[in-house]
Amino acid sequence: MSVSQTTNVPSASLMRGLLFHAGLIVTVIIWALVSLPSFPLPLRWRYWWITRWCSIVAFMVRYIAGIRIEFNGLDNIPTQPGVVLAKHQSAWETLNLLPLFYPQSWVLKRELLRIPVFGWGLARLDPIAIDRGAGREALRQVIDQGREKIASGRWIVVFPEGTRVPPGQSGRYQQGGALLACRAGVPVTPVAHNAGEHWPRRGLRMKPGTIYVEVGPPIPTEGKSPAQVVNETAEWIEAAMDRISRDRSASR
């Protein structure tokens, strides 16, 4: 085969990515439709049923994308629900942290609820859907609804960088999640991972390998300002990202 011919052959990562994303589209449509009868049910029941789709995604991540998951620090997860502040690189963490912190509510953009089919199911999971342009009103919504959900036994998962940040980079850590934790009187559980190296925020390629996930010791909020809490969280997460990077380099 000539060089010109080989350059036209899709790479294995692209082929995996095409199959994986096709599977995402097909399964989310099917699962949203079969979940319609669950919509009138109590939140606990419909939440359990609708989130079974996350298990389907986890299966496709492993067997179509060829990505394994390795967890460290699971013993750090508190026995009572609180606030999770997680690194944000990929779509992976929005779906696959669910088994670690169950049940949970996400703080997300209200526009996501307008997506046909996908948004229907997402709305029935009772997320904290905010208008990012609303400023203080959006922050008040996060605090008020977040405290209610924590009191009812649900984790609140917040991505303090606000948007997905490419691997090797760090976004500005915002104080909203830390403020919620301080007001609710619960600790912050930090989570670091390298999912963006395998399921990137842009493009279709999926890179086989291992996503390393580190769950840190709970960060107390009592007697601290939100700025102190978010700074401690950012320091832990970024140090953990460095450890993950070093460990991966040493294993090669």
Protein backbone atom coordinates (compact mmCIF):
# COMPACT_ATOMS: atom_id res chain seq x y z
CA MET A 1 0.00 0.00 0.00
CA SER A 2 1.38 3.41 -0.92
CA VAL A 3 1.85 6.28 1.51
CA SER A 4 -0.98 8.21 -0.14
CA GLN A 5 -3.27 5.23 0.33
CA THR A 6 -2.41 4.72 4.01
CA THR A 7 -3.12 8.34 4.85
CA ASN A 8 -6.71 7.81 3.69
CA VAL A 9 -7.27 4.91 6.09
CA PRO A 10 -9.09 6.16 9.23
CA SER A 11 -7.06 5.67 12.39
CA ALA A 12 -8.20 3.18 15.02
CA SER A 13 -8.99 6.01 17.45
CA LEU A 14 -11.18 7.73 14.86
CA MET A 15 -13.01 4.50 14.04
CA ARG A 16 -13.60 3.85 17.73
CA GLY A 17 -14.80 7.41 18.15
CA LEU A 18 -17.22 7.21 15.24
CA LEU A 19 -18.72 3.98 16.57
CA PHE A 20 -18.88 5.33 20.10
CA HIS A 21 -20.58 8.61 19.21
CA ALA A 22 -23.01 6.82 16.91
CA GLY A 23 -23.82 4.56 19.87
CA LEU A 24 -24.36 7.61 22.07
CA ILE A 25 -26.85 9.13 19.67
CA VAL A 26 -28.78 5.90 19.11
CA THR A 27 -28.92 4.86 22.76
CA VAL A 28 -29.90 8.29 24.12
CA ILE A 29 -32.82 8.47 21.69
CA ILE A 30 -33.96 4.94 22.52
CA TRP A 31 -33.51 5.39 26.26
CA ALA A 32 -35.32 8.73 26.32
CA LEU A 33 -38.28 7.19 24.51
CA VAL A 34 -38.47 4.08 26.70
CA SER A 35 -38.14 6.35 29.76
CA LEU A 36 -41.25 8.37 28.89
CA PRO A 37 -43.54 6.11 30.99
CA SER A 38 -41.33 6.80 34.03
CA PHE A 39 -41.84 10.58 33.90
CA PRO A 40 -45.00 10.63 36.12
CA LEU A 41 -43.33 8.38 38.74
CA PRO A 42 -41.80 9.70 41.98
CA LEU A 43 -38.33 11.21 41.54
CA ARG A 44 -36.53 8.30 43.22
CA TRP A 45 -37.95 5.74 40.80
CA ARG A 46 -37.64 7.71 37.60
CA TYR A 47 -34.11 8.83 38.61
CA TRP A 48 -33.01 5.20 38.99
CA TRP A 49 -34.49 4.21 35.64
CA ILE A 50 -33.31 7.16 33.55
CA THR A 51 -29.75 7.00 34.91
CA ARG A 52 -29.40 3.37 33.77
CA TRP A 53 -28.32 5.00 30.50
CA CYS A 54 -25.10 6.03 32.24
CA SER A 55 -24.34 2.33 32.67
CA ILE A 56 -24.80 1.85 28.93
CA VAL A 57 -22.36 4.71 28.29
CA ALA A 58 -19.84 3.16 30.70
CA PHE A 59 -20.14 -0.13 28.79
CA MET A 60 -19.47 1.62 25.48
CA VAL A 61 -16.53 3.53 26.98
CA ARG A 62 -14.93 0.22 27.95
CA TYR A 63 -15.76 -2.05 25.04
CA ILE A 64 -16.09 0.32 22.07
CA ALA A 65 -13.68 3.11 23.00
CA GLY A 66 -11.27 0.69 24.71
CA ILE A 67 -10.93 2.89 27.81
CA ARG A 68 -10.42 1.44 31.29
CA ILE A 69 -11.10 3.31 34.52
CA GLU A 70 -8.78 3.15 37.55
CA PHE A 71 -9.97 4.67 40.81
CA ASN A 72 -7.90 5.80 43.76
CA GLY A 73 -9.09 7.24 47.08
CA LEU A 74 -12.60 5.79 47.12
CA ASP A 75 -12.29 5.43 50.89
CA ASN A 76 -12.23 9.25 51.06
CA ILE A 77 -15.87 9.51 49.98
CA PRO A 78 -17.95 10.77 52.94
CA THR A 79 -20.83 8.67 54.18
CA GLN A 80 -23.19 11.66 53.96
CA PRO A 81 -23.91 13.66 50.77
CA GLY A 82 -22.15 16.95 50.24
CA VAL A 83 -20.59 18.98 47.44
CA VAL A 84 -18.25 17.43 44.86
CA LEU A 85 -15.86 19.77 43.04
CA ALA A 86 -14.40 17.93 40.06
CA LYS A 87 -11.91 18.62 37.29
CA HIS A 88 -13.70 19.29 34.01
CA GLN A 89 -12.00 18.05 30.83
CA SER A 90 -14.55 15.85 29.13
CA ALA A 91 -18.13 14.65 28.88
CA TRP A 92 -16.98 11.54 30.75
CA GLU A 93 -17.21 13.03 34.26
CA THR A 94 -20.69 14.41 33.70
CA LEU A 95 -21.99 10.85 33.27
CA ASN A 96 -19.58 8.48 34.95
CA LEU A 97 -19.13 9.93 38.44
CA LEU A 98 -22.69 8.84 39.16
CA PRO A 99 -21.85 5.43 40.72
CA LEU A 100 -19.44 7.13 43.16
CA PHE A 101 -21.86 9.85 44.27
CA TYR A 102 -25.39 8.51 44.09
CA PRO A 103 -27.88 10.06 43.81
CA GLN A 104 -26.59 13.39 42.57
CA SER A 105 -27.73 16.64 41.02
CA TRP A 106 -25.71 18.57 38.49
CA VAL A 107 -25.35 22.31 38.21
CA LEU A 108 -25.76 22.83 34.48
CA LYS A 109 -26.68 25.33 31.78
CA ARG A 110 -30.43 25.72 31.30
CA GLU A 111 -29.95 25.46 27.52
CA LEU A 112 -29.18 21.75 27.87
CA LEU A 113 -32.79 21.10 28.85
CA ARG A 114 -33.90 22.42 25.46
CA ILE A 115 -32.06 19.71 23.51
CA PRO A 116 -34.70 17.47 21.89
CA VAL A 117 -35.05 14.02 23.47
CA PHE A 118 -31.88 14.28 25.62
CA GLY A 119 -33.18 17.38 27.40
CA TRP A 120 -36.48 15.69 28.21
CA GLY A 121 -34.83 13.01 30.30
CA LEU A 122 -32.31 15.42 31.80
CA ALA A 123 -35.07 17.71 33.02
CA ARG A 124 -36.80 14.81 34.79
CA LEU A 125 -33.65 14.21 36.88
CA ASP A 126 -34.27 17.49 38.73
CA PRO A 127 -30.94 19.23 38.05
CA ILE A 128 -30.02 22.76 39.09
CA ALA A 129 -30.43 24.42 35.70
CA ILE A 130 -29.14 27.98 35.68
CA ASP A 131 -28.93 30.89 33.30
CA ARG A 132 -25.23 31.74 33.35
CA GLY A 133 -26.00 35.31 32.37
CA ALA A 134 -28.20 35.84 35.42
CA GLY A 135 -25.24 36.61 37.71
CA ARG A 136 -26.22 36.84 41.38
CA GLU A 137 -29.65 35.35 40.72
CA ALA A 138 -28.05 32.19 39.28
CA LEU A 139 -25.75 31.94 42.30
CA ARG A 140 -28.70 32.34 44.66
CA GLN A 141 -30.49 29.57 42.77
CA VAL A 142 -27.51 27.24 43.17
CA ILE A 143 -27.33 27.89 46.91
CA ASP A 144 -31.07 27.64 47.63
CA GLN A 145 -31.75 24.58 45.50
CA GLY A 146 -28.44 22.98 46.40
CA ARG A 147 -29.12 23.17 50.13
CA GLU A 148 -32.55 21.62 49.61
CA LYS A 149 -31.16 18.76 47.56
CA ILE A 150 -28.32 18.04 49.99
CA ALA A 151 -30.83 17.97 52.85
CA SER A 152 -32.90 15.44 50.87
CA GLY A 153 -29.88 13.13 50.52
CA ARG A 154 -28.43 14.08 47.15
CA TRP A 155 -24.88 15.01 46.19
CA ILE A 156 -24.27 18.23 44.30
CA VAL A 157 -21.62 17.90 41.58
CA VAL A 158 -20.03 21.17 40.46
CA PHE A 159 -17.28 21.76 37.90
CA PRO A 160 -15.63 24.85 39.37
CA GLU A 161 -13.68 25.67 36.20
CA GLY A 162 -17.04 26.34 34.56
CA THR A 163 -16.20 24.78 31.21
CA ARG A 164 -14.16 21.89 29.87
CA VAL A 165 -10.45 22.65 29.98
CA PRO A 166 -7.95 20.82 27.72
CA PRO A 167 -5.53 18.36 29.36
CA GLY A 168 -2.45 20.05 30.76
CA GLN A 169 -4.29 23.31 31.36
CA SER A 170 -6.14 24.78 34.32
CA GLY A 171 -9.14 27.07 34.26
CA ARG A 172 -10.08 29.72 36.79
CA TYR A 173 -11.73 28.04 39.77
CA GLN A 174 -15.00 29.77 40.62
CA GLN A 175 -16.41 30.00 44.14
CA GLY A 176 -20.05 28.96 43.56
CA GLY A 177 -19.68 25.34 44.66
CA ALA A 178 -17.53 26.29 47.65
CA LEU A 179 -20.07 28.92 48.68
CA LEU A 180 -22.83 26.31 48.55
CA ALA A 181 -20.78 23.93 50.71
CA CYS A 182 -20.09 26.68 53.26
CA ARG A 183 -23.75 27.71 53.43
CA ALA A 184 -24.92 24.08 53.69
CA GLY A 185 -22.30 23.24 56.32
CA VAL A 186 -20.94 20.26 54.38
CA PRO A 187 -17.40 19.39 53.25
CA VAL A 188 -16.13 19.55 49.70
CA THR A 189 -14.93 16.33 48.07
CA PRO A 190 -12.36 17.09 45.33
CA VAL A 191 -12.00 14.85 42.27
CA ALA A 192 -9.16 14.82 39.72
CA HIS A 193 -8.95 12.78 36.52
CA ASN A 194 -7.42 12.73 33.03
CA ALA A 195 -10.56 11.87 31.04
CA GLY A 196 -9.85 14.58 28.48
CA GLU A 197 -6.84 12.66 27.22
CA HIS A 198 -9.11 9.82 26.08
CA TRP A 199 -12.52 11.45 25.50
CA PRO A 200 -11.57 14.96 24.33
CA ARG A 201 -13.95 17.87 24.41
CA ARG A 202 -13.67 18.38 20.65
CA GLY A 203 -13.49 15.95 17.76
CA LEU A 204 -14.64 12.38 17.38
CA ARG A 205 -11.48 10.48 18.23
CA MET A 206 -11.47 8.26 21.32
CA LYS A 207 -8.03 7.24 22.55
CA PRO A 208 -7.81 3.78 24.18
CA GLY A 209 -6.03 3.64 27.50
CA THR A 210 -6.79 4.31 31.15
CA ILE A 211 -8.63 7.16 32.82
CA TYR A 212 -7.16 7.67 36.27
CA VAL A 213 -9.55 9.08 38.85
CA GLU A 214 -8.43 10.36 42.25
CA VAL A 215 -10.91 11.21 45.00
CA GLY A 216 -9.37 13.46 47.63
CA PRO A 217 -9.94 13.71 51.37
CA PRO A 218 -12.97 15.86 52.25
CA ILE A 219 -12.10 19.52 52.71
CA PRO A 220 -13.88 20.94 55.78
CA THR A 221 -15.74 24.22 55.35
CA GLU A 222 -16.43 25.13 58.97
CA GLY A 223 -14.88 28.46 59.87
CA LYS A 224 -13.57 29.04 56.33
CA SER A 225 -14.50 31.48 53.61
CA PRO A 226 -15.54 30.20 50.16
CA ALA A 227 -12.29 31.66 48.80
CA GLN A 228 -10.25 29.55 51.24
CA VAL A 229 -12.22 26.43 50.39
CA VAL A 230 -11.95 26.84 46.62
CA ASN A 231 -8.23 27.63 46.90
CA GLU A 232 -7.62 24.44 48.91
CA THR A 233 -9.69 22.50 46.39
CA ALA A 234 -7.80 23.92 43.41
CA GLU A 235 -4.44 23.18 45.05
CA TRP A 236 -5.41 19.58 45.74
CA ILE A 237 -6.89 18.95 42.29
CA GLU A 238 -3.97 20.46 40.39
CA ALA A 239 -1.43 18.58 42.56
CA ALA A 240 -3.36 15.38 41.88
CA MET A 241 -3.30 16.14 38.14
CA ASP A 242 0.49 16.44 38.35
CA ARG A 243 0.66 13.07 40.16
CA ILE A 244 -1.51 11.43 37.52
CA SER A 245 0.70 12.84 34.78
CA ARG A 246 3.92 11.68 36.51
CA ASP A 247 2.52 8.21 37.22
CA ARG A 248 1.45 7.80 33.59
CA SER A 249 4.88 8.88 32.37
CA ALA A 250 6.64 6.45 34.75
CA SER A 251 4.46 3.54 33.60
CA ARG A 252 5.34 3.97 29.93
